[in-house]
Amino acid sequence: MEHVNSTTQLGQFYSVTQLANHLGVTARAVRFYEDKGLISPRRAGNNRVYTLRDRARMILILRGKKLGFSLREIREYLDLYDVDPTRARQLRALLKAVNSRILQLEDQRIALDQTLADLREVKSQTATALEALEGIRRATG
C-alpha cells in the first residue's frame, strides 16, 4: 500500500512496512504492538492503515521501551491520554514513572559498581596467586 498524503481528518497514512521503516523497526514489531492493543490501525480492505496518531503512539511506545518501561506501564500512560485531554494526569503519571525508573536504575548502578569492584578484587587475587605459582615453579624447576 502506498503512502498517501491527505488533508482529510485522518491526515497522513502509512502501511505497516512504511511505518516500520519510518520508525526503524520491523513490521513484525509494529504488529506485535498492535496485537498487544497499544496501537489500533484502521483497515483498508485487507491492509492495515496507520495514521499519524498511530505513528505518534509508536514513537512513545519505542521510547518507553528504550527507557526500560514495561508494556503495562506504557499502556497505562497511553490510556491516560484518551481519558484526560489536558494531559495533566498523563504528565503526572509520567513524572511518577520516570522518578521510579531513575531510582531503580540508581539502585542497579550501585549493585553494578559493587559487582565490578568484587570482580576486580577476584581478578587481582587470581593474578597474584597465579604469579606466586609461577614463581614456585621457576624456583623448583
C-alpha atoms as a PDB file:
ATOM      1  CA  MET A   1       0.000   0.000   0.000  1.00  0.00           C
ATOM      2  CA  GLU A   2       1.439   3.329  -0.948  1.00  0.00           C
ATOM      3  CA  HIS A   3       1.930   6.160   1.465  1.00  0.00           C
ATOM      4  CA  VAL A   4      -0.853   8.656   0.867  1.00  0.00           C
ATOM      5  CA  ASN A   5      -0.606  12.356   1.537  1.00  0.00           C
ATOM      6  CA  SER A   6      -4.005  13.563   2.517  1.00  0.00           C
ATOM      7  CA  THR A   7      -5.583  16.625   4.025  1.00  0.00           C
ATOM      8  CA  THR A   8      -8.541  14.642   5.340  1.00  0.00           C
ATOM      9  CA  GLN A   9      -9.345  14.462   9.023  1.00  0.00           C
ATOM     10  CA  LEU A  10      -7.035  11.463   9.372  1.00  0.00           C
ATOM     11  CA  GLY A  11      -4.013  13.147   7.846  1.00  0.00           C
ATOM     12  CA  GLN A  12      -1.127  11.075   6.535  1.00  0.00           C
ATOM     13  CA  PHE A  13      -1.398   7.284   6.193  1.00  0.00           C
ATOM     14  CA  TYR A  14       1.239   4.560   6.389  1.00  0.00           C
ATOM     15  CA  SER A  15       1.311   0.881   5.518  1.00  0.00           C
ATOM     16  CA  VAL A  16       2.817  -1.432   8.123  1.00  0.00           C
ATOM     17  CA  THR A  17       6.055  -1.575   6.122  1.00  0.00           C
ATOM     18  CA  GLN A  18       6.246   2.193   5.728  1.00  0.00           C
ATOM     19  CA  LEU A  19       5.553   2.810   9.414  1.00  0.00           C
ATOM     20  CA  ALA A  20       8.130   0.217  10.411  1.00  0.00           C
ATOM     21  CA  ASN A  21      10.753   1.669   8.062  1.00  0.00           C
ATOM     22  CA  HIS A  22       9.991   5.203   9.227  1.00  0.00           C
ATOM     23  CA  LEU A  23      10.499   4.182  12.863  1.00  0.00           C
ATOM     24  CA  GLY A  24      13.489   1.917  12.258  1.00  0.00           C
ATOM     25  CA  VAL A  25      11.760  -1.253  13.450  1.00  0.00           C
ATOM     26  CA  THR A  26      10.455  -4.364  11.750  1.00  0.00           C
ATOM     27  CA  ALA A  27       6.911  -4.794  10.503  1.00  0.00           C
ATOM     28  CA  ARG A  28       6.726  -7.668  12.977  1.00  0.00           C
ATOM     29  CA  ALA A  29       7.419  -5.224  15.833  1.00  0.00           C
ATOM     30  CA  VAL A  30       4.606  -2.946  14.656  1.00  0.00           C
ATOM     31  CA  ARG A  31       2.242  -5.935  14.511  1.00  0.00           C
ATOM     32  CA  PHE A  32       3.393  -7.029  17.976  1.00  0.00           C
ATOM     33  CA  TYR A  33       2.357  -3.705  19.492  1.00  0.00           C
ATOM     34  CA  GLU A  34      -0.895  -3.894  17.552  1.00  0.00           C
ATOM     35  CA  ASP A  35      -1.541  -7.393  18.943  1.00  0.00           C
ATOM     36  CA  LYS A  36      -0.896  -6.019  22.433  1.00  0.00           C
ATOM     37  CA  GLY A  37      -3.552  -3.360  21.812  1.00  0.00           C
ATOM     38  CA  LEU A  38      -1.158  -0.423  22.064  1.00  0.00           C
ATOM     39  CA  ILE A  39      -1.966   0.795  18.563  1.00  0.00           C
ATOM     40  CA  SER A  40      -5.176   0.283  16.603  1.00  0.00           C
ATOM     41  CA  PRO A  41      -4.784   0.834  12.888  1.00  0.00           C
ATOM     42  CA  ARG A  42      -7.744   1.130  10.595  1.00  0.00           C
ATOM     43  CA  ARG A  43      -8.353  -1.303   7.763  1.00  0.00           C
ATOM     44  CA  ALA A  44      -8.482  -0.545   4.060  1.00  0.00           C
ATOM     45  CA  GLY A  45      -9.657  -3.849   2.672  1.00  0.00           C
ATOM     46  CA  ASN A  46      -7.148  -6.418   3.910  1.00  0.00           C
ATOM     47  CA  ASN A  47      -4.458  -3.815   4.602  1.00  0.00           C
ATOM     48  CA  ARG A  48      -3.670  -2.093   7.871  1.00  0.00           C
ATOM     49  CA  VAL A  49      -3.708   1.691   7.582  1.00  0.00           C
ATOM     50  CA  TYR A  50      -1.702   3.570  10.180  1.00  0.00           C
ATOM     51  CA  THR A  51      -2.342   7.237  10.890  1.00  0.00           C
ATOM     52  CA  LEU A  52      -0.166   9.978  12.350  1.00  0.00           C
ATOM     53  CA  ARG A  53      -1.774   9.139  15.717  1.00  0.00           C
ATOM     54  CA  ASP A  54      -0.577   5.528  15.401  1.00  0.00           C
ATOM     55  CA  ARG A  55       2.867   6.815  14.457  1.00  0.00           C
ATOM     56  CA  ALA A  56       2.940   9.116  17.496  1.00  0.00           C
ATOM     57  CA  ARG A  57       1.852   6.257  19.762  1.00  0.00           C
ATOM     58  CA  MET A  58       4.549   4.011  18.298  1.00  0.00           C
ATOM     59  CA  ILE A  59       7.168   6.682  18.959  1.00  0.00           C
ATOM     60  CA  LEU A  60       6.026   6.845  22.601  1.00  0.00           C
ATOM     61  CA  ILE A  61       5.994   3.037  22.860  1.00  0.00           C
ATOM     62  CA  LEU A  62       9.504   2.701  21.460  1.00  0.00           C
ATOM     63  CA  ARG A  63      10.793   5.490  23.662  1.00  0.00           C
ATOM     64  CA  GLY A  64       9.187   3.888  26.702  1.00  0.00           C
ATOM     65  CA  LYS A  65      10.766   0.526  25.889  1.00  0.00           C
ATOM     66  CA  LYS A  66      14.155   2.166  25.368  1.00  0.00           C
ATOM     67  CA  LEU A  67      13.853   3.775  28.805  1.00  0.00           C
ATOM     68  CA  GLY A  68      13.029   0.416  30.363  1.00  0.00           C
ATOM     69  CA  PHE A  69       9.307   0.747  30.972  1.00  0.00           C
ATOM     70  CA  SER A  70       7.131  -2.361  30.797  1.00  0.00           C
ATOM     71  CA  LEU A  71       4.348  -2.723  28.242  1.00  0.00           C
ATOM     72  CA  ARG A  72       1.863  -2.429  31.118  1.00  0.00           C
ATOM     73  CA  GLU A  73       3.363   0.912  32.171  1.00  0.00           C
ATOM     74  CA  ILE A  74       3.397   2.145  28.587  1.00  0.00           C
ATOM     75  CA  ARG A  75      -0.245   1.109  28.126  1.00  0.00           C
ATOM     76  CA  GLU A  76      -1.284   2.963  31.296  1.00  0.00           C
ATOM     77  CA  TYR A  77       0.486   6.081  30.081  1.00  0.00           C
ATOM     78  CA  LEU A  78      -1.094   5.897  26.618  1.00  0.00           C
ATOM     79  CA  ASP A  79      -4.558   5.196  28.037  1.00  0.00           C
ATOM     80  CA  LEU A  80      -4.393   8.340  30.174  1.00  0.00           C
ATOM     81  CA  TYR A  81      -4.128  10.435  27.032  1.00  0.00           C
ATOM     82  CA  ASP A  82      -7.596   9.302  25.957  1.00  0.00           C
ATOM     83  CA  VAL A  83      -9.072   9.941  29.430  1.00  0.00           C
ATOM     84  CA  ASP A  84      -7.635  13.413  30.041  1.00  0.00           C
ATOM     85  CA  PRO A  85      -7.345  15.710  27.028  1.00  0.00           C
ATOM     86  CA  THR A  86      -5.480  18.284  29.150  1.00  0.00           C
ATOM     87  CA  ARG A  87      -2.751  15.657  29.621  1.00  0.00           C
ATOM     88  CA  ALA A  88      -2.282  16.704  33.272  1.00  0.00           C
ATOM     89  CA  ARG A  89      -2.935  13.166  34.580  1.00  0.00           C
ATOM     90  CA  GLN A  90      -0.711  11.740  31.878  1.00  0.00           C
ATOM     91  CA  LEU A  91       2.126  14.105  32.754  1.00  0.00           C
ATOM     92  CA  ARG A  92       1.782  13.390  36.487  1.00  0.00           C
ATOM     93  CA  ALA A  93       1.822   9.653  35.801  1.00  0.00           C
ATOM     94  CA  LEU A  94       4.858  10.052  33.549  1.00  0.00           C
ATOM     95  CA  LEU A  95       6.703  12.061  36.186  1.00  0.00           C
ATOM     96  CA  LYS A  96       5.957   9.418  38.822  1.00  0.00           C
ATOM     97  CA  ALA A  97       7.059   6.592  36.496  1.00  0.00           C
ATOM     98  CA  VAL A  98      10.235   8.415  35.478  1.00  0.00           C
ATOM     99  CA  ASN A  99      11.167   9.110  39.115  1.00  0.00           C
ATOM    100  CA  SER A 100      10.586   5.455  39.946  1.00  0.00           C
ATOM    101  CA  ARG A 101      12.686   4.323  36.975  1.00  0.00           C
ATOM    102  CA  ILE A 102      15.508   6.700  37.977  1.00  0.00           C
ATOM    103  CA  LEU A 103      15.549   5.222  41.497  1.00  0.00           C
ATOM    104  CA  GLN A 104      15.538   1.707  40.066  1.00  0.00           C
ATOM    105  CA  LEU A 105      18.448   2.479  37.732  1.00  0.00           C
ATOM    106  CA  GLU A 106      20.405   4.162  40.533  1.00  0.00           C
ATOM    107  CA  ASP A 107      19.963   1.030  42.663  1.00  0.00           C
ATOM    108  CA  GLN A 108      21.133  -1.081  39.725  1.00  0.00           C
ATOM    109  CA  ARG A 109      24.141   1.189  39.246  1.00  0.00           C
ATOM    110  CA  ILE A 110      25.122   0.763  42.915  1.00  0.00           C
ATOM    111  CA  ALA A 111      24.772  -3.021  42.586  1.00  0.00           C
ATOM    112  CA  LEU A 112      26.732  -2.983  39.318  1.00  0.00           C
ATOM    113  CA  ASP A 113      29.516  -0.859  40.825  1.00  0.00           C
ATOM    114  CA  GLN A 114      29.762  -3.298  43.750  1.00  0.00           C
ATOM    115  CA  THR A 115      29.845  -6.300  41.410  1.00  0.00           C
ATOM    116  CA  LEU A 116      32.580  -4.657  39.328  1.00  0.00           C
ATOM    117  CA  ALA A 117      34.613  -3.923  42.463  1.00  0.00           C
ATOM    118  CA  ASP A 118      34.203  -7.543  43.605  1.00  0.00           C
ATOM    119  CA  LEU A 119      35.247  -8.850  40.187  1.00  0.00           C
ATOM    120  CA  ARG A 120      38.302  -6.593  40.134  1.00  0.00           C
ATOM    121  CA  GLU A 121      39.296  -7.897  43.570  1.00  0.00           C
ATOM    122  CA  VAL A 122      38.905 -11.521  42.401  1.00  0.00           C
ATOM    123  CA  LYS A 123      40.929 -10.675  39.292  1.00  0.00           C
ATOM    124  CA  SER A 124      43.701  -9.158  41.396  1.00  0.00           C
ATOM    125  CA  GLN A 125      43.749 -12.090  43.842  1.00  0.00           C
ATOM    126  CA  THR A 126      43.762 -14.579  40.970  1.00  0.00           C
ATOM    127  CA  ALA A 127      46.623 -12.808  39.178  1.00  0.00           C
ATOM    128  CA  THR A 128      48.618 -12.675  42.434  1.00  0.00           C
ATOM    129  CA  ALA A 129      48.012 -16.393  43.102  1.00  0.00           C
ATOM    130  CA  LEU A 130      48.990 -17.264  39.542  1.00  0.00           C
ATOM    131  CA  GLU A 131      52.197 -15.203  39.799  1.00  0.00           C
ATOM    132  CA  ALA A 132      53.035 -16.980  43.077  1.00  0.00           C
ATOM    133  CA  LEU A 133      52.508 -20.408  41.496  1.00  0.00           C
ATOM    134  CA  GLU A 134      54.686 -19.481  38.524  1.00  0.00           C
ATOM    135  CA  GLY A 135      57.396 -18.221  40.902  1.00  0.00           C
ATOM    136  CA  ILE A 136      57.344 -21.508  42.834  1.00  0.00           C
ATOM    137  CA  ARG A 137      57.523 -23.482  39.607  1.00  0.00           C
ATOM    138  CA  ARG A 138      60.511 -21.452  38.362  1.00  0.00           C
ATOM    139  CA  ALA A 139      62.285 -21.840  41.703  1.00  0.00           C
ATOM    140  CA  THR A 140      61.798 -25.611  41.828  1.00  0.00           C
ATOM    141  CA  GLY A 141      62.091 -26.402  38.152  1.00  0.00           C
END
